[in-house]
Amino acid sequence: MSDHNIQTNEDEDKDLYQPDTRSNANSNQLVRKNLITEFDIDIDSEITKFRRSPEYINHQCLIYPDDKLKTTWDLFIVLLIFYTITHYMFRVAFNDFDEDHWVILDYSIDFCFFIDCVFTFFTCYYSNSTNLVINHKAIAKNYLKTWFFVDFLGFFPFEVFANNRVGNNNLFFDEIKPLYRILRMIKLVRIFKLWNNPIKIQEMIDFLHGCNISLSRMRILLLSFILFCHLMTCFWCMLPRSYYARNNWETVYNIQDAGIFQKYLAGFYWLITTVCTIGYGDIAPRNDLEIAVAIVVMSGGVFFYSYTISSITSIIASANMQNSMIENNTGILSGIASEYKLTRQFHKRLNDALIYNLKEKRADFVTVLASLPPKVASRLKYKMNHKLIENNKFFIDKPYNFVQRILEFLSPYKAETGEYIYKEGDPVDEIYFVLSGNVAFVYEHDVIYESVKAGGYFGDAEIFLCEERETCVKCNERTKMLTLDRERLLNVLKDYEKLKVEMIIVSMIKRKQLKKNSIMSQSETPSEDVNISLEEHSFPDDQNSLGGSANFIIDCSSTLEPRVAWD
């Protein structure tokens, strides 16, 4: 790497240090900035809402698609549609008249849909070219040409006119008055309006995730199928009361005087046999209206049933993709174990490690990251590993670009209780970052003299100075870790010479501390009584951009990590 690139990386990291003004205004002591917090703020503040964008800030009386209040209102409308499909449709199917409190509720819901219709005249929308349309005239014209009349028929109170009279004449025939209650169901067509807007669906799902409500594809699919079956069952059960003919499916089946539950169960049975293309024929349409509805249900049911089956197949295939990969790789491993006569215990350990790595290395995540622009992908990767970066001591105060490059080379690793991570004399090849569990440095007879818990890291004490391990590390419990290859780390540090010097000094001190703790433990002297004098390590003149020296203060009683104070 050229000196120019090295200097560029070091210049980018100069702002990592700032004067510490907490104690007094004249203090020259330098401390590190909190890079993680500042970067999180930068990520969240970088995305500007339409309403605050300079391009749209001067436009008044507009509702933008990314307004949080708009998303909340849309979810409220979806809940009202859900109520209409379930409770309202059930009442229409089995009750000729509603009680006053239900009538008031229905009119209140119609008023909410009227308000939503008004809001739509002020809601910006995306054109076919994904441009945001903010012209009031264009918005109104587009709404009138598309969904206005459907929405109008959905909230218009037809029952009010059906119950009025002018002189001695009915405005509507008494025989068809019950059908006007069905017109309120036109608002269900809004489902197709939402279905054609995947961006809005994703916004709602993200909003629900923020409220700790998880909706998987399988749950949405199952809920949709149940609602479809309920809706069609209610329609079928409504027909004998809407069409005054003695020859209908209820009279033939002899349940016209049965209870609501028995009628609903019979209607649900007919629907399942029809939609699933079973068609026993024991419940069949008996008049023209029932035949017409049966044709519609069979036509729409075939489509919905086919879509449901294909969606379930897709979900199962996606879930089995990873299982198939695991099965193929474990099969290859079994062949290797058989050919090379591996012991059963060693084969089991290899198999467990292989399965764990394949499950942790999500191929779908890698595909998505590869499809994104590099800058956006790097920020997404940072967010995905936020907990690791925030909780592990290795990444604290490290430059952002350095952390990004290190994240690319981390590999998952799991060790069981009592398993040795490495032993004395093993090659120095990796650093280990503990995600969960607990590991310990041990010597003969498994005597523990230092431990590393979740949030710590180990294996770096010999990484710069040795070719063989000088310590033994063993798992006290099942431990999940991430590993970083030594050669990859050294290659990255070629661009961060100043950081490399700091890490070498830290590893030297940690190595010395581990040796002292090991000796003290063997002599049965408590490690917390060890007092190590301060050691000063000055940077080389060509890399000490701060013009000072680094004092590394050892605190043996609490952690392996030295505390760094910059003069």
Protein backbone atom coordinates (compact mmCIF):
# COMPACT_ATOMS: atom_id res chain seq x y z
CA MET A 1 0.00 0.00 0.00
CA SER A 2 1.40 3.39 -0.95
CA ASP A 3 2.43 6.03 1.59
CA HIS A 4 -0.25 8.31 0.16
CA ASN A 5 -3.05 5.82 1.00
CA ILE A 6 -1.62 5.25 4.47
CA GLN A 7 -1.49 8.98 5.11
CA THR A 8 -5.07 9.34 3.84
CA ASN A 9 -6.37 6.73 6.29
CA GLU A 10 -4.46 8.32 9.15
CA ASP A 11 -5.76 11.79 8.24
CA GLU A 12 -9.32 10.41 8.33
CA ASP A 13 -8.74 9.17 11.86
CA LYS A 14 -7.20 12.33 13.32
CA ASP A 15 -10.59 13.50 14.50
CA LEU A 16 -10.89 10.42 16.71
CA TYR A 17 -9.25 12.42 19.48
CA GLN A 18 -10.58 15.56 21.04
CA PRO A 19 -9.65 17.59 24.14
CA ASP A 20 -11.23 16.46 27.37
CA THR A 21 -12.93 19.54 28.80
CA ARG A 22 -14.90 17.76 31.49
CA SER A 23 -12.47 18.52 34.34
CA ASN A 24 -11.26 22.01 33.40
CA ALA A 25 -11.20 24.22 30.39
CA ASN A 26 -7.39 24.28 30.12
CA SER A 27 -6.91 20.52 30.13
CA ASN A 28 -4.73 19.20 27.31
CA GLN A 29 -5.68 15.54 27.88
CA LEU A 30 -7.15 13.88 24.82
CA VAL A 31 -9.91 11.27 24.86
CA ARG A 32 -11.57 9.18 22.21
CA LYS A 33 -14.89 10.10 20.62
CA ASN A 34 -17.83 7.74 20.87
CA LEU A 35 -17.85 6.66 17.21
CA ILE A 36 -20.75 4.24 17.53
CA THR A 37 -23.20 6.78 18.96
CA GLU A 38 -22.18 9.49 16.51
CA PHE A 39 -22.45 7.16 13.54
CA ASP A 40 -25.91 5.94 14.60
CA ILE A 41 -27.09 9.54 14.74
CA ASP A 42 -25.58 10.13 11.31
CA ILE A 43 -27.42 7.15 9.82
CA ASP A 44 -30.80 8.12 11.27
CA SER A 45 -30.51 11.80 10.41
CA GLU A 46 -29.27 11.28 6.87
CA ILE A 47 -32.68 10.15 5.55
CA THR A 48 -34.83 13.26 5.16
CA LYS A 49 -38.60 13.04 5.23
CA PHE A 50 -40.50 14.49 2.27
CA ARG A 51 -42.12 17.04 4.53
CA ARG A 52 -38.72 18.42 5.64
CA SER A 53 -37.05 18.20 2.27
CA PRO A 54 -36.14 21.59 0.75
CA GLU A 55 -37.81 20.46 -2.47
CA TYR A 56 -41.24 20.11 -0.84
CA ILE A 57 -41.05 22.34 2.22
CA ASN A 58 -42.92 25.22 0.58
CA HIS A 59 -45.89 23.09 -0.52
CA GLN A 60 -48.86 23.34 1.82
CA CYS A 61 -51.89 21.12 2.56
CA LEU A 62 -50.28 17.90 1.38
CA ILE A 63 -50.05 14.47 2.96
CA TYR A 64 -46.82 12.66 2.07
CA PRO A 65 -46.50 8.88 1.75
CA ASP A 66 -43.75 8.66 4.40
CA ASP A 67 -45.69 10.57 7.07
CA LYS A 68 -45.91 8.44 10.19
CA LEU A 69 -49.42 9.72 10.90
CA LYS A 70 -50.49 8.63 7.41
CA THR A 71 -49.17 5.11 8.01
CA THR A 72 -51.01 4.98 11.35
CA TRP A 73 -54.24 6.13 9.68
CA ASP A 74 -53.88 3.52 6.93
CA LEU A 75 -53.48 0.80 9.56
CA PHE A 76 -56.63 2.10 11.25
CA ILE A 77 -58.52 1.83 7.94
CA VAL A 78 -57.22 -1.74 7.51
CA LEU A 79 -58.61 -2.58 10.96
CA LEU A 80 -62.00 -1.16 9.95
CA ILE A 81 -61.94 -3.30 6.81
CA PHE A 82 -61.08 -6.29 8.99
CA TYR A 83 -64.12 -5.48 11.17
CA THR A 84 -66.31 -5.22 8.07
CA ILE A 85 -65.18 -8.62 6.79
CA THR A 86 -65.68 -10.38 10.11
CA HIS A 87 -68.34 -8.96 12.39
CA TYR A 88 -70.41 -6.81 10.03
CA MET A 89 -70.66 -9.50 7.38
CA PHE A 90 -71.69 -12.06 10.00
CA ARG A 91 -74.52 -9.79 11.20
CA VAL A 92 -75.72 -9.17 7.65
CA ALA A 93 -75.76 -12.90 6.94
CA PHE A 94 -77.81 -13.99 9.96
CA ASN A 95 -79.72 -10.92 11.24
CA ASP A 96 -82.45 -9.05 9.38
CA PHE A 97 -82.23 -5.97 11.61
CA ASP A 98 -79.45 -4.42 13.70
CA GLU A 99 -79.73 -2.99 17.17
CA ASP A 100 -79.26 0.75 17.61
CA HIS A 101 -75.70 0.57 18.94
CA TRP A 102 -74.59 -1.46 15.92
CA VAL A 103 -76.24 1.05 13.58
CA ILE A 104 -74.40 3.92 15.29
CA LEU A 105 -71.11 2.02 14.99
CA ASP A 106 -71.68 1.32 11.29
CA TYR A 107 -72.43 4.97 10.54
CA SER A 108 -69.33 6.01 12.51
CA ILE A 109 -67.21 3.65 10.42
CA ASP A 110 -68.76 5.04 7.23
CA PHE A 111 -67.80 8.51 8.44
CA CYS A 112 -64.19 7.36 8.94
CA PHE A 113 -64.13 6.11 5.36
CA PHE A 114 -65.54 9.45 4.24
CA ILE A 115 -62.69 11.23 6.08
CA ASP A 116 -60.22 8.89 4.38
CA CYS A 117 -61.75 9.78 1.03
CA VAL A 118 -61.19 13.48 1.81
CA PHE A 119 -57.60 12.79 2.88
CA THR A 120 -56.93 11.01 -0.41
CA PHE A 121 -57.57 14.27 -2.32
CA PHE A 122 -54.54 15.72 -0.49
CA THR A 123 -52.29 12.64 -0.48
CA CYS A 124 -49.28 12.64 -2.81
CA TYR A 125 -48.72 9.53 -4.87
CA TYR A 126 -45.98 7.99 -6.99
CA SER A 127 -46.38 8.09 -10.74
CA ASN A 128 -45.31 5.24 -13.01
CA SER A 129 -41.84 6.78 -13.19
CA THR A 130 -41.60 6.67 -9.35
CA ASN A 131 -41.78 10.46 -9.24
CA LEU A 132 -43.77 12.00 -6.40
CA VAL A 133 -46.82 13.90 -7.66
CA ILE A 134 -47.52 16.94 -5.47
CA ASN A 135 -49.86 18.98 -7.70
CA HIS A 136 -53.32 19.24 -6.12
CA LYS A 137 -55.12 19.22 -9.46
CA ALA A 138 -53.19 16.15 -10.65
CA ILE A 139 -53.86 14.34 -7.36
CA ALA A 140 -57.63 15.02 -7.52
CA LYS A 141 -57.85 14.08 -11.20
CA ASN A 142 -56.01 10.81 -10.61
CA TYR A 143 -58.25 9.90 -7.65
CA LEU A 144 -61.48 10.70 -9.54
CA LYS A 145 -60.33 8.52 -12.44
CA THR A 146 -59.39 5.54 -10.28
CA TRP A 147 -60.81 4.80 -6.84
CA PHE A 148 -63.15 7.66 -5.92
CA PHE A 149 -66.45 6.14 -7.03
CA VAL A 150 -65.60 2.78 -5.46
CA ASP A 151 -64.78 4.52 -2.18
CA PHE A 152 -67.96 6.63 -2.45
CA LEU A 153 -70.20 3.57 -2.84
CA GLY A 154 -68.44 2.02 0.16
CA PHE A 155 -69.40 4.72 2.68
CA PHE A 156 -72.69 6.04 1.21
CA PRO A 157 -75.56 5.23 3.69
CA PHE A 158 -78.01 3.42 1.40
CA GLU A 159 -80.07 2.21 4.39
CA VAL A 160 -81.13 5.77 5.20
CA PHE A 161 -82.86 6.09 1.81
CA ALA A 162 -84.16 2.52 1.89
CA ASN A 163 -86.11 3.27 5.08
CA ASN A 164 -87.66 6.58 3.89
CA ARG A 165 -90.96 7.05 2.05
CA VAL A 166 -92.30 9.76 -0.20
CA GLY A 167 -96.07 9.90 0.06
CA ASN A 168 -97.36 6.37 -0.17
CA ASN A 169 -94.57 5.05 -2.40
CA ASN A 170 -91.43 3.24 -1.31
CA LEU A 171 -88.19 4.62 -2.65
CA PHE A 172 -86.97 1.04 -2.84
CA PHE A 173 -88.70 -2.34 -3.01
CA ASP A 174 -89.09 -3.99 0.36
CA GLU A 175 -87.94 -7.31 -1.08
CA ILE A 176 -84.49 -6.02 -1.96
CA LYS A 177 -83.92 -3.77 1.06
CA PRO A 178 -81.66 -6.34 2.77
CA LEU A 179 -79.37 -6.24 -0.24
CA TYR A 180 -78.56 -2.58 0.36
CA ARG A 181 -76.72 -3.59 3.51
CA ILE A 182 -74.43 -5.61 1.28
CA LEU A 183 -73.41 -2.47 -0.63
CA ARG A 184 -71.43 -1.45 2.42
CA MET A 185 -69.19 -4.39 1.56
CA ILE A 186 -67.93 -2.49 -1.49
CA LYS A 187 -65.36 -0.91 0.76
CA LEU A 188 -63.67 -4.32 0.82
CA VAL A 189 -62.45 -3.56 -2.71
CA ARG A 190 -59.93 -1.30 -0.96
CA ILE A 191 -57.97 -4.47 -0.26
CA PHE A 192 -57.01 -4.60 -3.94
CA LYS A 193 -56.02 -0.93 -3.76
CA LEU A 194 -53.64 -1.78 -0.93
CA TRP A 195 -52.48 -4.97 -2.63
CA ASN A 196 -51.21 -2.95 -5.60
CA ASN A 197 -49.02 -0.80 -3.35
CA PRO A 198 -46.23 -3.03 -1.98
CA ILE A 199 -44.34 0.00 -0.62
CA LYS A 200 -47.28 0.89 1.62
CA ILE A 201 -47.63 -2.74 2.73
CA GLN A 202 -43.96 -2.82 3.70
CA GLU A 203 -44.31 0.47 5.59
CA MET A 204 -47.20 -1.00 7.59
CA ILE A 205 -45.26 -4.18 8.33
CA ASP A 206 -42.27 -2.13 9.49
CA PHE A 207 -44.57 -0.03 11.66
CA LEU A 208 -46.00 -3.18 13.26
CA HIS A 209 -42.49 -4.54 13.81
CA GLY A 210 -41.72 -1.31 15.65
CA CYS A 211 -44.70 -2.13 17.90
CA ASN A 212 -43.30 -5.65 18.52
CA ILE A 213 -45.96 -7.26 16.32
CA SER A 214 -44.37 -9.84 14.07
CA LEU A 215 -46.07 -10.79 10.78
CA SER A 216 -44.43 -13.53 8.76
CA ARG A 217 -45.49 -14.49 5.23
CA MET A 218 -47.06 -17.70 6.51
CA ARG A 219 -49.12 -15.85 9.12
CA ILE A 220 -50.36 -13.31 6.59
CA LEU A 221 -51.24 -16.08 4.15
CA LEU A 222 -53.11 -18.11 6.78
CA LEU A 223 -55.02 -15.04 7.97
CA SER A 224 -55.96 -14.14 4.38
CA PHE A 225 -57.28 -17.65 3.71
CA ILE A 226 -59.38 -17.66 6.89
CA LEU A 227 -60.87 -14.24 6.10
CA PHE A 228 -61.67 -15.30 2.53
CA CYS A 229 -63.43 -18.44 3.74
CA HIS A 230 -65.40 -16.50 6.36
CA LEU A 231 -66.45 -13.86 3.84
CA MET A 232 -67.64 -16.38 1.24
CA THR A 233 -69.42 -18.45 3.90
CA CYS A 234 -71.38 -15.40 5.02
CA PHE A 235 -72.32 -14.61 1.44
CA TRP A 236 -73.56 -18.17 0.93
CA CYS A 237 -75.56 -18.17 4.16
CA MET A 238 -77.12 -14.82 3.20
CA LEU A 239 -78.64 -16.04 -0.07
CA PRO A 240 -81.72 -17.90 1.30
CA ARG A 241 -82.82 -14.72 3.10
CA SER A 242 -82.04 -12.35 0.24
CA TYR A 243 -83.82 -14.36 -2.44
CA TYR A 244 -87.34 -15.22 -1.36
CA ALA A 245 -87.77 -18.61 -2.99
CA ARG A 246 -88.70 -21.78 -1.17
CA ASN A 247 -86.29 -23.78 -3.26
CA ASN A 248 -82.90 -22.92 -1.79
CA TRP A 249 -79.99 -24.85 -0.30
CA GLU A 250 -81.21 -24.43 3.29
CA THR A 251 -84.63 -25.97 2.66
CA VAL A 252 -83.19 -28.85 0.63
CA TYR A 253 -80.65 -29.52 3.35
CA ASN A 254 -83.47 -29.04 5.91
CA ILE A 255 -81.64 -26.55 8.17
CA GLN A 256 -83.87 -23.50 7.59
CA ASP A 257 -84.99 -23.63 11.24
CA ALA A 258 -81.57 -24.56 12.67
CA GLY A 259 -79.41 -22.30 14.79
CA ILE A 260 -76.84 -19.82 13.52
CA PHE A 261 -73.88 -22.08 14.33
CA GLN A 262 -75.30 -25.03 12.40
CA LYS A 263 -76.05 -22.88 9.34
CA TYR A 264 -72.58 -21.30 9.45
CA LEU A 265 -70.92 -24.71 9.77
CA ALA A 266 -72.89 -26.08 6.81
CA GLY A 267 -71.98 -23.01 4.72
CA PHE A 268 -68.30 -23.31 5.68
CA TYR A 269 -68.38 -26.99 4.72
CA TRP A 270 -69.83 -26.12 1.27
CA LEU A 271 -67.18 -23.44 0.74
CA ILE A 272 -64.21 -25.70 1.57
CA THR A 273 -65.45 -28.47 -0.72
CA THR A 274 -65.99 -25.91 -3.49
CA VAL A 275 -62.79 -23.87 -3.16
CA CYS A 276 -60.59 -26.92 -2.70
CA THR A 277 -62.17 -28.46 -5.85
CA ILE A 278 -63.46 -31.48 -3.93
CA GLY A 279 -67.16 -30.94 -4.74
CA TYR A 280 -69.09 -33.72 -2.98
CA GLY A 281 -72.38 -32.17 -4.15
CA ASP A 282 -74.37 -32.88 -0.98
CA ILE A 283 -74.89 -29.10 -0.59
CA ALA A 284 -75.61 -27.62 -4.02
CA PRO A 285 -77.15 -24.40 -5.43
CA ARG A 286 -80.93 -24.70 -6.04
CA ASN A 287 -81.97 -21.41 -7.69
CA ASP A 288 -80.54 -18.96 -10.19
CA LEU A 289 -78.98 -16.62 -7.63
CA GLU A 290 -77.25 -19.46 -5.81
CA ILE A 291 -75.99 -20.88 -9.11
CA ALA A 292 -74.58 -17.47 -10.09
CA VAL A 293 -72.85 -17.06 -6.71
CA ALA A 294 -71.52 -20.62 -6.88
CA ILE A 295 -69.97 -19.90 -10.29
CA VAL A 296 -68.28 -16.76 -8.92
CA VAL A 297 -67.02 -18.59 -5.84
CA MET A 298 -65.67 -21.49 -7.89
CA SER A 299 -63.94 -19.15 -10.33
CA GLY A 300 -62.43 -16.93 -7.65
CA GLY A 301 -61.81 -19.89 -5.38
CA VAL A 302 -59.70 -21.70 -7.95
CA PHE A 303 -57.52 -18.61 -8.32
CA PHE A 304 -57.25 -18.04 -4.56
CA TYR A 305 -56.63 -21.72 -3.86
CA SER A 306 -53.92 -21.88 -6.56
CA TYR A 307 -52.28 -18.73 -5.24
CA THR A 308 -52.35 -20.08 -1.68
CA ILE A 309 -50.79 -23.39 -2.68
CA SER A 310 -48.08 -21.70 -4.75
CA SER A 311 -47.28 -19.29 -1.92
CA ILE A 312 -47.02 -22.09 0.62
CA THR A 313 -44.81 -24.02 -1.79
CA SER A 314 -42.58 -20.96 -2.18
CA ILE A 315 -42.30 -20.49 1.59
CA ILE A 316 -41.46 -24.16 2.14
CA ALA A 317 -38.94 -24.09 -0.71
CA SER A 318 -37.25 -21.02 0.81
CA ALA A 319 -37.08 -22.72 4.19
CA ASN A 320 -35.79 -25.94 2.66
CA MET A 321 -33.11 -24.19 0.61
CA GLN A 322 -30.89 -23.83 3.66
CA ASN A 323 -31.79 -27.33 4.86
CA SER A 324 -30.88 -28.75 1.47
CA MET A 325 -27.52 -27.01 1.58
CA ILE A 326 -26.89 -28.37 5.08
CA GLU A 327 -27.95 -31.87 4.01
CA ASN A 328 -25.63 -31.82 0.98
CA ASN A 329 -22.63 -30.61 2.97
CA THR A 330 -23.17 -33.03 5.85
CA GLY A 331 -23.45 -35.83 3.29
CA ILE A 332 -20.08 -34.87 1.85
CA LEU A 333 -18.64 -34.71 5.37
CA SER A 334 -20.01 -38.20 6.13
CA GLY A 335 -18.24 -39.49 3.01
CA ILE A 336 -14.97 -37.91 4.17
CA ALA A 337 -15.39 -39.42 7.64
CA SER A 338 -16.00 -42.86 6.16
CA GLU A 339 -13.09 -42.67 3.70
CA TYR A 340 -10.53 -41.37 6.16
CA LYS A 341 -11.76 -43.38 9.17
CA LEU A 342 -12.55 -40.39 11.38
CA THR A 343 -13.60 -41.18 14.94
CA ARG A 344 -17.27 -40.79 15.79
CA GLN A 345 -16.57 -38.02 18.30
CA PHE A 346 -14.44 -36.03 15.84
CA HIS A 347 -17.03 -36.50 13.09
CA LYS A 348 -19.75 -35.23 15.41
CA ARG A 349 -17.74 -32.12 16.27
CA LEU A 350 -17.09 -31.42 12.59
CA ASN A 351 -20.77 -31.94 11.78
CA ASP A 352 -21.93 -29.57 14.53
CA ALA A 353 -19.44 -26.91 13.46
CA LEU A 354 -20.50 -27.22 9.82
CA ILE A 355 -24.23 -26.94 10.59
CA TYR A 356 -23.67 -23.96 12.88
CA ASN A 357 -21.57 -22.11 10.29
CA LEU A 358 -24.07 -22.75 7.48
CA LYS A 359 -26.95 -21.49 9.62
CA GLU A 360 -25.11 -18.39 10.81
CA LYS A 361 -23.77 -17.42 7.39
CA ARG A 362 -27.06 -16.39 5.81
CA ALA A 363 -26.75 -16.71 2.03
CA ASP A 364 -29.84 -14.53 1.54
CA PHE A 365 -28.22 -11.71 3.52
CA VAL A 366 -25.08 -11.95 1.40
CA THR A 367 -27.19 -11.77 -1.76
CA VAL A 368 -29.02 -8.66 -0.59
CA LEU A 369 -25.78 -6.93 0.44
CA ALA A 370 -24.23 -7.72 -2.94
CA SER A 371 -27.25 -6.18 -4.70
CA LEU A 372 -27.00 -2.85 -2.87
CA PRO A 373 -24.71 0.08 -3.71
CA PRO A 374 -21.40 -0.22 -1.78
CA LYS A 375 -22.03 2.74 0.52
CA VAL A 376 -25.55 1.63 1.44
CA ALA A 377 -24.41 -1.99 1.83
CA SER A 378 -21.65 -0.98 4.22
CA ARG A 379 -24.08 0.96 6.38
CA LEU A 380 -26.56 -1.90 6.39
CA LYS A 381 -23.76 -4.26 7.39
CA TYR A 382 -22.85 -1.88 10.20
CA LYS A 383 -26.43 -1.88 11.45
CA MET A 384 -26.68 -5.67 11.22
CA ASN A 385 -23.56 -5.99 13.41
CA HIS A 386 -24.42 -3.10 15.69
CA LYS A 387 -24.69 -5.20 18.85
CA LEU A 388 -21.31 -6.79 18.25
CA ILE A 389 -19.65 -3.42 17.62
CA GLU A 390 -21.32 -1.79 20.60
CA ASN A 391 -20.77 -4.57 23.13
CA ASN A 392 -17.33 -5.94 22.23
CA LYS A 393 -14.30 -4.13 23.62
CA PHE A 394 -12.21 -4.72 20.52
CA PHE A 395 -14.32 -2.36 18.40
CA ILE A 396 -14.57 0.46 20.92
CA ASP A 397 -12.89 3.64 19.62
CA LYS A 398 -11.83 1.98 16.38
CA PRO A 399 -12.16 3.98 13.13
CA TYR A 400 -15.35 3.35 11.20
CA ASN A 401 -13.58 2.34 7.97
CA PHE A 402 -11.41 -0.11 9.87
CA VAL A 403 -14.45 -1.69 11.54
CA GLN A 404 -16.21 -1.99 8.18
CA ARG A 405 -13.31 -3.90 6.66
CA ILE A 406 -12.99 -6.19 9.68
CA LEU A 407 -16.71 -7.09 9.57
CA GLU A 408 -16.21 -8.64 6.12
CA PHE A 409 -13.84 -11.29 7.51
CA LEU A 410 -15.66 -12.45 10.66
CA SER A 411 -16.73 -16.10 10.74
CA PRO A 412 -19.09 -17.79 13.24
CA TYR A 413 -17.75 -20.42 15.62
CA LYS A 414 -19.37 -22.41 18.43
CA ALA A 415 -17.60 -24.43 21.14
CA GLU A 416 -19.14 -26.82 23.64
CA THR A 417 -18.54 -27.02 27.39
CA GLY A 418 -15.11 -28.42 28.20
CA GLU A 419 -13.80 -27.99 24.65
CA TYR A 420 -10.37 -26.41 24.17
CA ILE A 421 -10.35 -23.42 21.80
CA TYR A 422 -6.58 -23.76 21.46
CA LYS A 423 -3.71 -25.22 23.46
CA GLU A 424 -0.17 -24.17 24.13
CA GLY A 425 1.93 -24.78 21.05
CA ASP A 426 -0.93 -24.43 18.55
CA PRO A 427 -0.34 -22.03 15.64
CA VAL A 428 -1.43 -18.42 16.13
CA ASP A 429 -4.04 -17.98 13.42
CA GLU A 430 -7.15 -16.24 14.82
CA ILE A 431 -8.62 -13.72 17.26
CA TYR A 432 -11.86 -14.72 19.00
CA PHE A 433 -14.77 -12.41 19.89
CA VAL A 434 -17.13 -13.84 22.54
CA LEU A 435 -20.83 -13.33 21.80
CA SER A 436 -22.26 -15.51 24.56
CA GLY A 437 -20.90 -17.95 27.08
CA ASN A 438 -17.63 -17.97 28.99
CA VAL A 439 -14.08 -19.16 28.28
CA ALA A 440 -11.08 -19.38 30.60
CA PHE A 441 -7.31 -19.37 30.41
CA VAL A 442 -6.07 -22.52 32.14
CA TYR A 443 -2.81 -24.31 32.80
CA GLU A 444 -2.09 -27.85 34.04
CA HIS A 445 -4.97 -29.66 35.75
CA ASP A 446 -7.40 -27.10 34.28
CA VAL A 447 -6.69 -24.47 36.92
CA ILE A 448 -8.33 -21.21 35.82
CA TYR A 449 -6.32 -18.02 36.16
CA GLU A 450 -8.27 -15.67 33.87
CA SER A 451 -11.68 -15.72 32.19
CA VAL A 452 -13.33 -13.93 29.27
CA LYS A 453 -17.08 -13.39 29.17
CA ALA A 454 -19.50 -12.14 26.52
CA GLY A 455 -18.32 -8.81 25.14
CA GLY A 456 -14.64 -9.68 25.49
CA TYR A 457 -12.09 -11.01 23.06
CA PHE A 458 -8.96 -13.12 23.31
CA GLY A 459 -6.23 -14.67 21.20
CA ASP A 460 -4.62 -11.32 20.37
CA ALA A 461 -1.83 -11.52 22.98
CA GLU A 462 0.37 -13.58 20.64
CA ILE A 463 -1.03 -12.36 17.33
CA PHE A 464 1.79 -9.92 16.53
CA LEU A 465 4.75 -11.40 18.35
CA CYS A 466 4.47 -15.19 18.29
CA GLU A 467 3.93 -18.03 15.85
CA GLU A 468 2.74 -20.49 18.51
CA ARG A 469 0.25 -20.15 21.35
CA GLU A 470 1.69 -19.63 24.82
CA THR A 471 -1.59 -20.24 26.66
CA CYS A 472 -4.51 -22.68 26.78
CA VAL A 473 -8.14 -21.54 26.48
CA LYS A 474 -11.06 -23.77 27.43
CA CYS A 475 -14.85 -23.30 27.39
CA ASN A 476 -16.58 -23.17 30.76
CA GLU A 477 -19.97 -23.40 29.01
CA ARG A 478 -21.37 -23.49 25.49
CA THR A 479 -19.92 -20.42 23.83
CA LYS A 480 -20.73 -18.64 20.59
CA MET A 481 -17.95 -16.61 19.03
CA LEU A 482 -16.80 -14.85 15.91
CA THR A 483 -13.27 -15.44 14.63
CA LEU A 484 -10.93 -13.13 12.70
CA ASP A 485 -8.11 -14.60 10.66
CA ARG A 486 -4.65 -13.31 11.56
CA GLU A 487 -3.48 -12.71 8.00
CA ARG A 488 -6.62 -10.75 7.11
CA LEU A 489 -6.19 -8.55 10.20
CA LEU A 490 -2.55 -7.81 9.36
CA ASN A 491 -3.48 -6.96 5.77
CA VAL A 492 -6.09 -4.45 6.97
CA LEU A 493 -3.67 -2.91 9.47
CA LYS A 494 -1.24 -2.09 6.66
CA ASP A 495 -3.45 0.93 6.01
CA TYR A 496 -3.67 1.88 9.69
CA GLU A 497 -0.09 2.01 10.95
CA LYS A 498 -0.85 4.18 13.95
CA LEU A 499 -3.65 1.86 15.05
CA LYS A 500 -1.37 -1.12 14.47
CA VAL A 501 1.26 0.32 16.84
CA GLU A 502 -1.39 0.81 19.50
CA MET A 503 -2.69 -2.76 19.11
CA ILE A 504 0.86 -4.17 19.29
CA ILE A 505 1.46 -2.33 22.56
CA VAL A 506 -1.85 -3.58 23.98
CA SER A 507 -1.04 -7.16 22.99
CA MET A 508 2.41 -6.90 24.61
CA ILE A 509 0.89 -5.76 27.87
CA LYS A 510 -1.83 -8.40 27.75
CA ARG A 511 0.75 -11.10 27.03
CA LYS A 512 2.86 -9.99 29.99
CA GLN A 513 -0.20 -9.83 32.22
CA LEU A 514 -1.34 -13.34 31.27
CA LYS A 515 2.10 -14.71 32.07
CA LYS A 516 2.13 -12.99 35.48
CA ASN A 517 -1.38 -14.18 36.29
CA SER A 518 -0.43 -17.73 35.29
CA ILE A 519 2.65 -17.68 37.52
CA MET A 520 0.72 -16.15 40.44
CA SER A 521 -2.04 -18.76 40.07
CA GLN A 522 0.45 -21.61 40.09
CA SER A 523 1.94 -20.20 43.28
CA GLU A 524 -1.59 -19.90 44.69
CA THR A 525 -1.30 -16.13 45.04
CA PRO A 526 -4.55 -14.28 44.23
CA SER A 527 -4.31 -12.37 40.97
CA GLU A 528 -6.05 -9.34 42.40
CA ASP A 529 -3.04 -8.66 44.62
CA VAL A 530 -0.77 -8.21 41.62
CA ASN A 531 0.46 -4.64 41.18
CA ILE A 532 2.06 -3.86 37.83
CA SER A 533 3.87 -0.56 37.54
CA LEU A 534 2.97 1.79 34.74
CA GLU A 535 4.79 1.26 31.49
CA GLU A 536 5.24 4.02 29.02
CA HIS A 537 5.34 3.23 25.33
CA SER A 538 6.04 6.11 23.00
CA PHE A 539 5.00 6.03 19.38
CA PRO A 540 7.71 6.33 16.71
CA ASP A 541 8.36 9.91 15.66
CA ASP A 542 6.93 9.38 12.17
CA GLN A 543 3.59 8.08 13.49
CA ASN A 544 3.02 10.07 16.65
CA SER A 545 0.63 12.64 15.21
CA LEU A 546 -0.38 13.65 18.73
CA GLY A 547 3.14 14.63 19.79
CA GLY A 548 2.78 12.79 23.09
CA SER A 549 3.04 9.34 24.63
CA ALA A 550 0.57 6.65 25.63
CA ASN A 551 0.28 5.51 29.24
CA PHE A 552 -1.27 2.02 29.52
CA ILE A 553 -2.62 1.40 32.98
CA ILE A 554 -3.20 -2.23 34.02
CA ASP A 555 -6.14 -3.13 36.23
CA CYS A 556 -5.60 -6.83 37.02
CA SER A 557 -8.58 -7.18 39.29
CA SER A 558 -11.25 -6.53 36.69
CA THR A 559 -10.32 -7.26 33.10
CA LEU A 560 -7.62 -8.15 30.66
CA GLU A 561 -8.14 -4.86 28.86
CA PRO A 562 -5.64 -2.08 29.61
CA ARG A 563 -7.07 1.35 30.10
CA VAL A 564 -5.61 3.92 27.75
CA ALA A 565 -4.96 7.51 28.81
CA TRP A 566 -3.62 9.92 26.22
CA ASP A 567 -1.32 12.70 27.42
